Amino acid sequence: MKYAIVEISGRQFWIETGKYYDFNRIATELDKQIILTRVLLVNEDDNLLIGKPYVQNIKVIGKILDHFRGKKTIVYKMRPKKKTRKKQGHRQELTRVLIEDIIIK
């Protein structure tokens, strides 16, 4: 099984080829390829490569599938005994990326 751990959007993701993942909004057009180079770890058939901090000569190729907004989260702030209440909603802008290939040079 071939997988990699990459850093994107300030977070780390365990990714595999052929699956799609939701990242924070990436400002690119739909159906465009992106190349992820911040690879922290790669495992290919029990051959483990660990970076310090990143693994060199590794590329992860993905394709932008969709831009959308995530599920609404409710933020509710209340100060006790003051009759102060504030209800606010937030929807995160997300990008769905299909991982096409992990290339090891």
N, C-alpha and C. Protein backbone atom coordinates (compact mmCIF):
# COMPACT_ATOMS: atom_id res chain seq x y z
N MET A 1 0.84 -1.16 0.00
CA MET A 1 0.00 0.00 0.00
C MET A 1 0.89 1.24 0.00
N LYS A 2 0.61 2.14 -0.91
CA LYS A 2 1.40 3.36 -1.07
C LYS A 2 0.64 4.53 -0.46
N TYR A 3 1.25 5.19 0.51
CA TYR A 3 0.62 6.35 1.12
C TYR A 3 1.69 7.38 1.47
N ALA A 4 1.24 8.60 1.74
CA ALA A 4 2.14 9.68 2.12
C ALA A 4 1.45 10.56 3.14
N ILE A 5 2.26 11.23 3.94
CA ILE A 5 1.74 12.25 4.85
C ILE A 5 2.26 13.59 4.33
N VAL A 6 1.33 14.48 3.96
CA VAL A 6 1.70 15.76 3.38
C VAL A 6 1.18 16.90 4.25
N GLU A 7 1.83 18.05 4.10
CA GLU A 7 1.40 19.26 4.81
C GLU A 7 0.81 20.21 3.79
N ILE A 8 -0.45 20.56 4.01
CA ILE A 8 -1.14 21.48 3.12
C ILE A 8 -2.16 22.27 3.95
N SER A 9 -2.29 23.52 3.66
CA SER A 9 -3.23 24.41 4.35
C SER A 9 -2.95 24.49 5.84
N GLY A 10 -1.70 24.32 6.24
CA GLY A 10 -1.34 24.41 7.65
C GLY A 10 -1.68 23.17 8.45
N ARG A 11 -2.11 22.11 7.80
CA ARG A 11 -2.46 20.86 8.47
C ARG A 11 -1.75 19.70 7.80
N GLN A 12 -1.73 18.57 8.48
CA GLN A 12 -1.09 17.37 7.93
C GLN A 12 -2.16 16.33 7.61
N PHE A 13 -2.03 15.69 6.44
CA PHE A 13 -3.01 14.71 5.98
C PHE A 13 -2.31 13.43 5.57
N TRP A 14 -2.91 12.31 5.90
CA TRP A 14 -2.49 10.99 5.44
C TRP A 14 -3.24 10.77 4.13
N ILE A 15 -2.53 10.68 2.99
CA ILE A 15 -3.21 10.56 1.71
C ILE A 15 -2.80 9.29 0.99
N GLU A 16 -3.72 8.79 0.17
CA GLU A 16 -3.49 7.63 -0.67
C GLU A 16 -3.95 7.96 -2.08
N THR A 17 -3.42 7.26 -3.06
CA THR A 17 -3.81 7.53 -4.45
C THR A 17 -5.22 7.03 -4.72
N GLY A 18 -5.94 7.75 -5.57
CA GLY A 18 -7.29 7.36 -5.95
C GLY A 18 -8.38 7.83 -5.02
N LYS A 19 -8.03 8.53 -3.94
CA LYS A 19 -9.04 9.03 -3.00
C LYS A 19 -9.08 10.54 -3.06
N TYR A 20 -10.18 11.12 -2.60
CA TYR A 20 -10.27 12.58 -2.57
C TYR A 20 -10.31 13.07 -1.13
N TYR A 21 -9.80 14.31 -0.96
CA TYR A 21 -9.70 14.91 0.36
C TYR A 21 -10.18 16.35 0.30
N ASP A 22 -10.67 16.86 1.42
CA ASP A 22 -11.16 18.23 1.51
C ASP A 22 -10.13 19.07 2.28
N PHE A 23 -9.54 20.04 1.59
CA PHE A 23 -8.58 20.95 2.19
C PHE A 23 -9.21 22.32 2.32
N ASN A 24 -8.57 23.21 3.09
CA ASN A 24 -8.99 24.60 3.11
C ASN A 24 -8.86 25.16 1.70
N ARG A 25 -9.61 26.21 1.40
CA ARG A 25 -9.70 26.74 0.04
C ARG A 25 -8.33 26.97 -0.59
N ILE A 26 -8.14 26.37 -1.78
CA ILE A 26 -6.95 26.58 -2.60
C ILE A 26 -7.39 27.42 -3.79
N ALA A 27 -6.74 28.55 -3.98
CA ALA A 27 -7.18 29.50 -5.00
C ALA A 27 -6.66 29.08 -6.38
N THR A 28 -7.28 28.07 -6.96
CA THR A 28 -6.99 27.64 -8.33
C THR A 28 -8.29 27.26 -9.01
N GLU A 29 -8.21 27.12 -10.33
CA GLU A 29 -9.40 26.80 -11.11
C GLU A 29 -9.75 25.32 -11.00
N LEU A 30 -10.99 25.01 -11.36
CA LEU A 30 -11.44 23.61 -11.36
C LEU A 30 -10.73 22.83 -12.46
N ASP A 31 -10.60 21.52 -12.26
CA ASP A 31 -9.97 20.58 -13.20
C ASP A 31 -8.51 20.91 -13.49
N LYS A 32 -7.86 21.66 -12.62
CA LYS A 32 -6.45 21.98 -12.78
C LYS A 32 -5.64 21.09 -11.87
N GLN A 33 -4.44 20.70 -12.31
CA GLN A 33 -3.59 19.86 -11.49
C GLN A 33 -2.77 20.70 -10.53
N ILE A 34 -2.57 20.16 -9.33
CA ILE A 34 -1.69 20.80 -8.37
C ILE A 34 -0.63 19.79 -7.96
N ILE A 35 0.53 20.30 -7.59
CA ILE A 35 1.64 19.45 -7.17
C ILE A 35 1.97 19.79 -5.72
N LEU A 36 1.90 18.80 -4.87
CA LEU A 36 2.22 18.97 -3.46
C LEU A 36 3.65 18.49 -3.23
N THR A 37 4.50 19.36 -2.70
CA THR A 37 5.90 19.00 -2.48
C THR A 37 6.28 18.93 -1.01
N ARG A 38 5.40 19.37 -0.13
CA ARG A 38 5.68 19.31 1.30
C ARG A 38 5.30 17.93 1.84
N VAL A 39 6.09 16.95 1.49
CA VAL A 39 5.83 15.57 1.88
C VAL A 39 6.67 15.25 3.11
N LEU A 40 6.03 14.82 4.18
CA LEU A 40 6.71 14.52 5.43
C LEU A 40 7.14 13.06 5.53
N LEU A 41 6.34 12.16 4.94
CA LEU A 41 6.62 10.73 5.05
C LEU A 41 6.02 10.02 3.83
N VAL A 42 6.73 9.00 3.34
CA VAL A 42 6.22 8.18 2.22
C VAL A 42 6.45 6.72 2.56
N ASN A 43 5.42 5.89 2.32
CA ASN A 43 5.55 4.45 2.49
C ASN A 43 5.13 3.79 1.19
N GLU A 44 6.07 3.02 0.61
CA GLU A 44 5.78 2.29 -0.62
C GLU A 44 6.24 0.85 -0.44
N ASP A 45 5.28 -0.04 -0.27
CA ASP A 45 5.57 -1.47 -0.08
C ASP A 45 6.60 -1.70 1.02
N ASP A 46 6.33 -1.16 2.21
CA ASP A 46 7.18 -1.28 3.40
C ASP A 46 8.55 -0.62 3.25
N ASN A 47 8.71 0.26 2.26
CA ASN A 47 9.92 1.07 2.14
C ASN A 47 9.56 2.46 2.67
N LEU A 48 9.99 2.76 3.89
CA LEU A 48 9.57 3.97 4.58
C LEU A 48 10.62 5.06 4.42
N LEU A 49 10.19 6.24 3.92
CA LEU A 49 11.06 7.40 3.79
C LEU A 49 10.53 8.50 4.70
N ILE A 50 11.39 8.97 5.61
CA ILE A 50 10.99 10.01 6.55
C ILE A 50 11.83 11.25 6.28
N GLY A 51 11.18 12.40 6.19
CA GLY A 51 11.86 13.65 5.89
C GLY A 51 12.31 14.38 7.13
N LYS A 52 13.26 15.30 6.91
CA LYS A 52 13.80 16.13 8.00
C LYS A 52 13.82 17.57 7.56
N PRO A 53 12.79 18.35 7.52
CA PRO A 53 11.40 18.03 7.82
C PRO A 53 10.66 17.45 6.62
N TYR A 54 11.14 17.69 5.37
CA TYR A 54 10.44 17.18 4.19
C TYR A 54 11.31 16.18 3.44
N VAL A 55 10.65 15.24 2.76
CA VAL A 55 11.34 14.26 1.93
C VAL A 55 11.66 14.91 0.59
N GLN A 56 12.88 14.79 0.12
CA GLN A 56 13.29 15.37 -1.15
C GLN A 56 12.89 14.45 -2.31
N ASN A 57 12.70 15.02 -3.49
CA ASN A 57 12.41 14.30 -4.75
C ASN A 57 11.11 13.50 -4.72
N ILE A 58 10.13 13.97 -3.98
CA ILE A 58 8.82 13.33 -3.93
C ILE A 58 7.79 14.36 -4.37
N LYS A 59 6.88 13.94 -5.25
CA LYS A 59 5.79 14.80 -5.68
C LYS A 59 4.47 14.05 -5.52
N VAL A 60 3.47 14.78 -5.09
CA VAL A 60 2.12 14.23 -5.03
C VAL A 60 1.29 15.06 -5.99
N ILE A 61 0.69 14.40 -6.97
CA ILE A 61 -0.09 15.09 -8.00
C ILE A 61 -1.57 14.91 -7.70
N GLY A 62 -2.27 16.05 -7.66
CA GLY A 62 -3.70 16.03 -7.39
C GLY A 62 -4.46 16.86 -8.40
N LYS A 63 -5.76 16.67 -8.43
CA LYS A 63 -6.62 17.40 -9.37
C LYS A 63 -7.75 18.05 -8.58
N ILE A 64 -7.99 19.33 -8.84
CA ILE A 64 -9.05 20.07 -8.15
C ILE A 64 -10.39 19.61 -8.70
N LEU A 65 -11.25 19.07 -7.83
CA LEU A 65 -12.56 18.61 -8.26
C LEU A 65 -13.66 19.64 -8.03
N ASP A 66 -13.62 20.32 -6.87
CA ASP A 66 -14.74 21.18 -6.53
C ASP A 66 -14.32 22.19 -5.47
N HIS A 67 -14.96 23.35 -5.50
CA HIS A 67 -14.88 24.34 -4.44
C HIS A 67 -16.26 24.40 -3.79
N PHE A 68 -16.31 24.31 -2.47
CA PHE A 68 -17.60 24.33 -1.80
C PHE A 68 -17.43 24.85 -0.39
N ARG A 69 -18.54 24.99 0.30
CA ARG A 69 -18.52 25.45 1.68
C ARG A 69 -18.89 24.28 2.59
N GLY A 70 -18.20 24.18 3.70
CA GLY A 70 -18.40 23.08 4.63
C GLY A 70 -19.67 23.23 5.44
N LYS A 71 -19.87 22.31 6.33
CA LYS A 71 -21.04 22.29 7.20
C LYS A 71 -21.00 23.48 8.15
N LYS A 72 -22.16 24.02 8.45
CA LYS A 72 -22.24 25.20 9.32
C LYS A 72 -21.94 24.81 10.77
N THR A 73 -21.09 25.61 11.40
CA THR A 73 -20.84 25.46 12.83
C THR A 73 -21.40 26.68 13.54
N ILE A 74 -21.97 26.45 14.69
CA ILE A 74 -22.59 27.52 15.46
C ILE A 74 -21.65 27.93 16.60
N VAL A 75 -21.41 29.23 16.71
CA VAL A 75 -20.61 29.79 17.80
C VAL A 75 -21.58 30.57 18.69
N TYR A 76 -21.67 30.18 19.94
CA TYR A 76 -22.60 30.82 20.86
C TYR A 76 -21.83 31.33 22.06
N LYS A 77 -21.85 32.63 22.27
CA LYS A 77 -21.16 33.23 23.40
C LYS A 77 -22.20 33.85 24.33
N MET A 78 -21.99 33.62 25.62
CA MET A 78 -22.94 34.13 26.61
C MET A 78 -22.17 34.53 27.86
N ARG A 79 -22.50 35.70 28.39
CA ARG A 79 -21.93 36.12 29.67
C ARG A 79 -22.99 35.91 30.73
N PRO A 80 -22.70 35.12 31.73
CA PRO A 80 -23.70 34.84 32.74
C PRO A 80 -24.06 36.08 33.56
N LYS A 81 -25.32 36.17 33.90
CA LYS A 81 -25.88 37.24 34.74
C LYS A 81 -25.84 38.61 34.09
N LYS A 82 -25.56 38.72 32.81
CA LYS A 82 -25.47 40.01 32.14
C LYS A 82 -26.49 40.17 31.02
N LYS A 83 -27.23 39.13 30.70
CA LYS A 83 -28.18 39.12 29.59
C LYS A 83 -27.51 39.47 28.26
N THR A 84 -26.28 39.01 28.11
CA THR A 84 -25.54 39.23 26.87
C THR A 84 -25.38 37.90 26.16
N ARG A 85 -25.93 37.82 24.96
CA ARG A 85 -25.84 36.59 24.19
C ARG A 85 -25.47 36.94 22.76
N LYS A 86 -24.64 36.10 22.15
CA LYS A 86 -24.23 36.34 20.76
C LYS A 86 -24.19 34.99 20.05
N LYS A 87 -25.01 34.85 19.03
CA LYS A 87 -25.04 33.62 18.25
C LYS A 87 -24.53 33.92 16.86
N GLN A 88 -23.57 33.13 16.42
CA GLN A 88 -22.92 33.40 15.15
C GLN A 88 -22.66 32.06 14.45
N GLY A 89 -22.80 32.06 13.13
CA GLY A 89 -22.53 30.85 12.36
C GLY A 89 -21.29 31.03 11.50
N HIS A 90 -20.67 29.91 11.14
CA HIS A 90 -19.49 29.94 10.29
C HIS A 90 -19.49 28.74 9.35
N ARG A 91 -19.20 29.00 8.07
CA ARG A 91 -19.03 27.92 7.10
C ARG A 91 -17.67 28.09 6.45
N GLN A 92 -16.84 27.06 6.56
CA GLN A 92 -15.47 27.11 6.04
C GLN A 92 -15.47 26.87 4.54
N GLU A 93 -14.67 27.66 3.82
CA GLU A 93 -14.48 27.47 2.38
C GLU A 93 -13.52 26.30 2.18
N LEU A 94 -13.93 25.31 1.40
CA LEU A 94 -13.14 24.09 1.20
C LEU A 94 -12.91 23.82 -0.27
N THR A 95 -11.88 23.02 -0.55
CA THR A 95 -11.56 22.56 -1.89
C THR A 95 -11.41 21.05 -1.85
N ARG A 96 -12.08 20.36 -2.76
CA ARG A 96 -11.98 18.90 -2.85
C ARG A 96 -10.92 18.56 -3.88
N VAL A 97 -9.93 17.74 -3.48
CA VAL A 97 -8.79 17.39 -4.34
C VAL A 97 -8.73 15.87 -4.47
N LEU A 98 -8.63 15.39 -5.71
CA LEU A 98 -8.44 13.97 -5.98
C LEU A 98 -6.94 13.72 -6.12
N ILE A 99 -6.41 12.79 -5.35
CA ILE A 99 -4.99 12.45 -5.41
C ILE A 99 -4.81 11.43 -6.53
N GLU A 100 -4.06 11.84 -7.56
CA GLU A 100 -3.87 10.97 -8.73
C GLU A 100 -2.65 10.06 -8.61
N ASP A 101 -1.55 10.59 -8.10
CA ASP A 101 -0.33 9.80 -8.10
C ASP A 101 0.66 10.33 -7.06
N ILE A 102 1.47 9.43 -6.52
CA ILE A 102 2.61 9.78 -5.67
C ILE A 102 3.86 9.36 -6.43
N ILE A 103 4.66 10.32 -6.83
CA ILE A 103 5.83 10.06 -7.67
C ILE A 103 7.10 10.10 -6.82
N ILE A 104 7.85 8.99 -6.87
CA ILE A 104 9.13 8.90 -6.16
C ILE A 104 10.22 8.86 -7.23
N LYS A 105 11.08 9.87 -7.19
CA LYS A 105 12.16 9.92 -8.21
C LYS A 105 13.38 9.15 -7.76
